[in-house]
Amino acid sequence: MEIQTAFHQVLGKKLGITDFEAWVYATSELEEFLDSDDYFELISLNYKDKSVLYNLEKVLDKGLRKQN
């Protein structure tokens, strides 16, 4: 799955948080797509926390803006 597509799908609630978390850990290209601080934040998130979608929005929005 393309990185930007996955970001849009999870933010649009078309991809579940559990599936997105598994995808994050399986996608080594994320290290190159995001800057090191954002990548570290993404892999450090507690995906079981109720506020994870809010925290994901902050990180993923930065990644999407950098690519456009």
N, C-alpha and C. Protein backbone atom coordinates (compact mmCIF):
# COMPACT_ATOMS: atom_id res chain seq x y z
N MET A 1 0.85 -1.18 0.00
CA MET A 1 0.00 0.00 0.00
C MET A 1 0.90 1.24 0.00
N GLU A 2 0.54 2.19 -0.83
CA GLU A 2 1.29 3.44 -0.90
C GLU A 2 1.15 4.20 0.43
N ILE A 3 2.20 4.87 0.83
CA ILE A 3 2.24 5.55 2.12
C ILE A 3 1.13 6.60 2.23
N GLN A 4 1.04 7.48 1.25
CA GLN A 4 0.02 8.53 1.32
C GLN A 4 -1.39 7.95 1.35
N THR A 5 -1.60 6.87 0.62
CA THR A 5 -2.91 6.21 0.61
C THR A 5 -3.25 5.68 2.00
N ALA A 6 -2.29 5.04 2.64
CA ALA A 6 -2.51 4.52 3.99
C ALA A 6 -2.82 5.64 4.96
N PHE A 7 -2.10 6.75 4.86
CA PHE A 7 -2.34 7.90 5.74
C PHE A 7 -3.78 8.40 5.57
N HIS A 8 -4.19 8.57 4.31
CA HIS A 8 -5.54 9.07 4.04
C HIS A 8 -6.60 8.08 4.51
N GLN A 9 -6.34 6.80 4.33
CA GLN A 9 -7.32 5.79 4.73
C GLN A 9 -7.51 5.74 6.23
N VAL A 10 -6.44 5.80 6.99
CA VAL A 10 -6.59 5.75 8.45
C VAL A 10 -7.23 7.03 8.96
N LEU A 11 -6.87 8.16 8.39
CA LEU A 11 -7.48 9.42 8.82
C LEU A 11 -8.95 9.49 8.43
N GLY A 12 -9.31 8.86 7.32
CA GLY A 12 -10.70 8.82 6.88
C GLY A 12 -11.49 7.66 7.48
N LYS A 13 -10.84 6.94 8.38
CA LYS A 13 -11.45 5.81 9.10
C LYS A 13 -11.88 4.68 8.16
N LYS A 14 -11.15 4.56 7.04
CA LYS A 14 -11.39 3.45 6.11
C LYS A 14 -10.41 2.31 6.37
N LEU A 15 -9.40 2.58 7.17
CA LEU A 15 -8.41 1.59 7.59
C LEU A 15 -8.38 1.63 9.11
N GLY A 16 -8.54 0.48 9.72
CA GLY A 16 -8.58 0.42 11.18
C GLY A 16 -7.24 0.73 11.82
N ILE A 17 -7.29 1.19 13.05
CA ILE A 17 -6.07 1.54 13.78
C ILE A 17 -5.16 0.33 13.94
N THR A 18 -5.72 -0.83 14.26
CA THR A 18 -4.92 -2.04 14.45
C THR A 18 -4.21 -2.41 13.15
N ASP A 19 -4.93 -2.34 12.04
CA ASP A 19 -4.32 -2.65 10.74
C ASP A 19 -3.26 -1.62 10.37
N PHE A 20 -3.53 -0.35 10.67
CA PHE A 20 -2.56 0.70 10.38
C PHE A 20 -1.30 0.50 11.22
N GLU A 21 -1.46 0.16 12.49
CA GLU A 21 -0.30 -0.07 13.35
C GLU A 21 0.57 -1.19 12.78
N ALA A 22 -0.04 -2.29 12.37
CA ALA A 22 0.71 -3.40 11.78
C ALA A 22 1.42 -2.95 10.51
N TRP A 23 0.73 -2.15 9.70
CA TRP A 23 1.31 -1.64 8.46
C TRP A 23 2.52 -0.74 8.76
N VAL A 24 2.40 0.11 9.79
CA VAL A 24 3.51 1.01 10.17
C VAL A 24 4.76 0.20 10.47
N TYR A 25 4.62 -0.84 11.29
CA TYR A 25 5.78 -1.63 11.68
C TYR A 25 6.34 -2.46 10.54
N ALA A 26 5.53 -2.74 9.52
CA ALA A 26 5.97 -3.55 8.39
C ALA A 26 6.51 -2.72 7.22
N THR A 27 6.39 -1.40 7.30
CA THR A 27 6.74 -0.54 6.17
C THR A 27 8.01 0.26 6.48
N SER A 28 9.13 -0.28 6.05
CA SER A 28 10.42 0.36 6.35
C SER A 28 10.60 1.68 5.59
N GLU A 29 9.88 1.87 4.49
CA GLU A 29 10.00 3.10 3.70
C GLU A 29 9.53 4.33 4.47
N LEU A 30 8.79 4.12 5.55
CA LEU A 30 8.33 5.26 6.35
C LEU A 30 9.49 6.06 6.92
N GLU A 31 10.60 5.38 7.21
CA GLU A 31 11.77 6.08 7.75
C GLU A 31 12.28 7.13 6.77
N GLU A 32 12.16 6.87 5.49
CA GLU A 32 12.62 7.82 4.48
C GLU A 32 11.55 8.85 4.14
N PHE A 33 10.28 8.47 4.28
CA PHE A 33 9.17 9.34 3.94
C PHE A 33 9.00 10.45 4.97
N LEU A 34 9.13 10.11 6.24
CA LEU A 34 8.97 11.08 7.34
C LEU A 34 10.34 11.52 7.84
N ASP A 35 10.39 12.70 8.46
CA ASP A 35 11.66 13.06 9.09
C ASP A 35 11.81 12.20 10.35
N SER A 36 13.02 12.14 10.88
CA SER A 36 13.31 11.20 11.96
C SER A 36 12.45 11.42 13.21
N ASP A 37 12.18 12.68 13.56
CA ASP A 37 11.34 12.95 14.74
C ASP A 37 9.91 12.45 14.54
N ASP A 38 9.35 12.70 13.36
CA ASP A 38 7.99 12.26 13.08
C ASP A 38 7.90 10.73 13.01
N TYR A 39 8.91 10.11 12.43
CA TYR A 39 8.93 8.64 12.36
C TYR A 39 8.98 8.05 13.77
N PHE A 40 9.85 8.60 14.60
CA PHE A 40 9.97 8.11 15.98
C PHE A 40 8.64 8.29 16.72
N GLU A 41 8.00 9.44 16.52
CA GLU A 41 6.71 9.68 17.17
C GLU A 41 5.67 8.67 16.69
N LEU A 42 5.66 8.38 15.40
CA LEU A 42 4.70 7.44 14.83
C LEU A 42 4.87 6.04 15.41
N ILE A 43 6.10 5.57 15.52
CA ILE A 43 6.31 4.22 16.04
C ILE A 43 6.22 4.17 17.56
N SER A 44 6.23 5.32 18.21
CA SER A 44 6.13 5.37 19.67
C SER A 44 4.71 5.57 20.18
N LEU A 45 3.77 5.84 19.28
CA LEU A 45 2.39 6.07 19.71
C LEU A 45 1.81 4.84 20.39
N ASN A 46 0.94 5.08 21.36
CA ASN A 46 0.17 4.01 21.98
C ASN A 46 -1.10 3.84 21.15
N TYR A 47 -1.10 2.85 20.29
CA TYR A 47 -2.22 2.66 19.36
C TYR A 47 -3.48 2.14 20.05
N LYS A 48 -3.38 1.83 21.32
CA LYS A 48 -4.56 1.37 22.07
C LYS A 48 -5.21 2.52 22.84
N ASP A 49 -4.56 3.68 22.86
CA ASP A 49 -5.08 4.86 23.56
C ASP A 49 -6.28 5.43 22.80
N LYS A 50 -7.25 5.93 23.54
CA LYS A 50 -8.45 6.50 22.92
C LYS A 50 -8.14 7.73 22.06
N SER A 51 -7.07 8.43 22.38
CA SER A 51 -6.72 9.65 21.64
C SER A 51 -5.74 9.40 20.50
N VAL A 52 -5.54 8.15 20.13
CA VAL A 52 -4.53 7.86 19.11
C VAL A 52 -4.87 8.51 17.77
N LEU A 53 -6.13 8.58 17.40
CA LEU A 53 -6.47 9.19 16.11
C LEU A 53 -6.08 10.67 16.09
N TYR A 54 -6.30 11.36 17.19
CA TYR A 54 -5.90 12.77 17.29
C TYR A 54 -4.38 12.89 17.13
N ASN A 55 -3.64 12.04 17.83
CA ASN A 55 -2.18 12.08 17.74
C ASN A 55 -1.69 11.67 16.36
N LEU A 56 -2.35 10.71 15.74
CA LEU A 56 -2.00 10.32 14.38
C LEU A 56 -2.21 11.47 13.41
N GLU A 57 -3.31 12.19 13.57
CA GLU A 57 -3.59 13.32 12.68
C GLU A 57 -2.45 14.32 12.70
N LYS A 58 -1.92 14.61 13.87
CA LYS A 58 -0.82 15.58 13.98
C LYS A 58 0.41 15.10 13.21
N VAL A 59 0.79 13.85 13.40
CA VAL A 59 1.99 13.32 12.76
C VAL A 59 1.78 13.13 11.25
N LEU A 60 0.67 12.53 10.88
CA LEU A 60 0.43 12.22 9.47
C LEU A 60 0.20 13.48 8.65
N ASP A 61 -0.45 14.46 9.23
CA ASP A 61 -0.67 15.72 8.51
C ASP A 61 0.67 16.38 8.17
N LYS A 62 1.61 16.35 9.10
CA LYS A 62 2.94 16.91 8.81
C LYS A 62 3.61 16.15 7.67
N GLY A 63 3.50 14.83 7.69
CA GLY A 63 4.10 14.01 6.63
C GLY A 63 3.47 14.26 5.28
N LEU A 64 2.15 14.42 5.26
CA LEU A 64 1.46 14.68 4.00
C LEU A 64 1.79 16.07 3.46
N ARG A 65 1.89 17.05 4.33
CA ARG A 65 2.22 18.42 3.88
C ARG A 65 3.62 18.49 3.31
N LYS A 66 4.56 17.75 3.86
CA LYS A 66 5.94 17.77 3.37
C LYS A 66 6.05 17.17 1.98
N GLN A 67 5.17 16.23 1.66
CA GLN A 67 5.23 15.55 0.37
C GLN A 67 4.53 16.32 -0.74
N ASN A 68 3.71 17.29 -0.39
CA ASN A 68 2.97 18.06 -1.41
C ASN A 68 3.65 19.34 -1.76
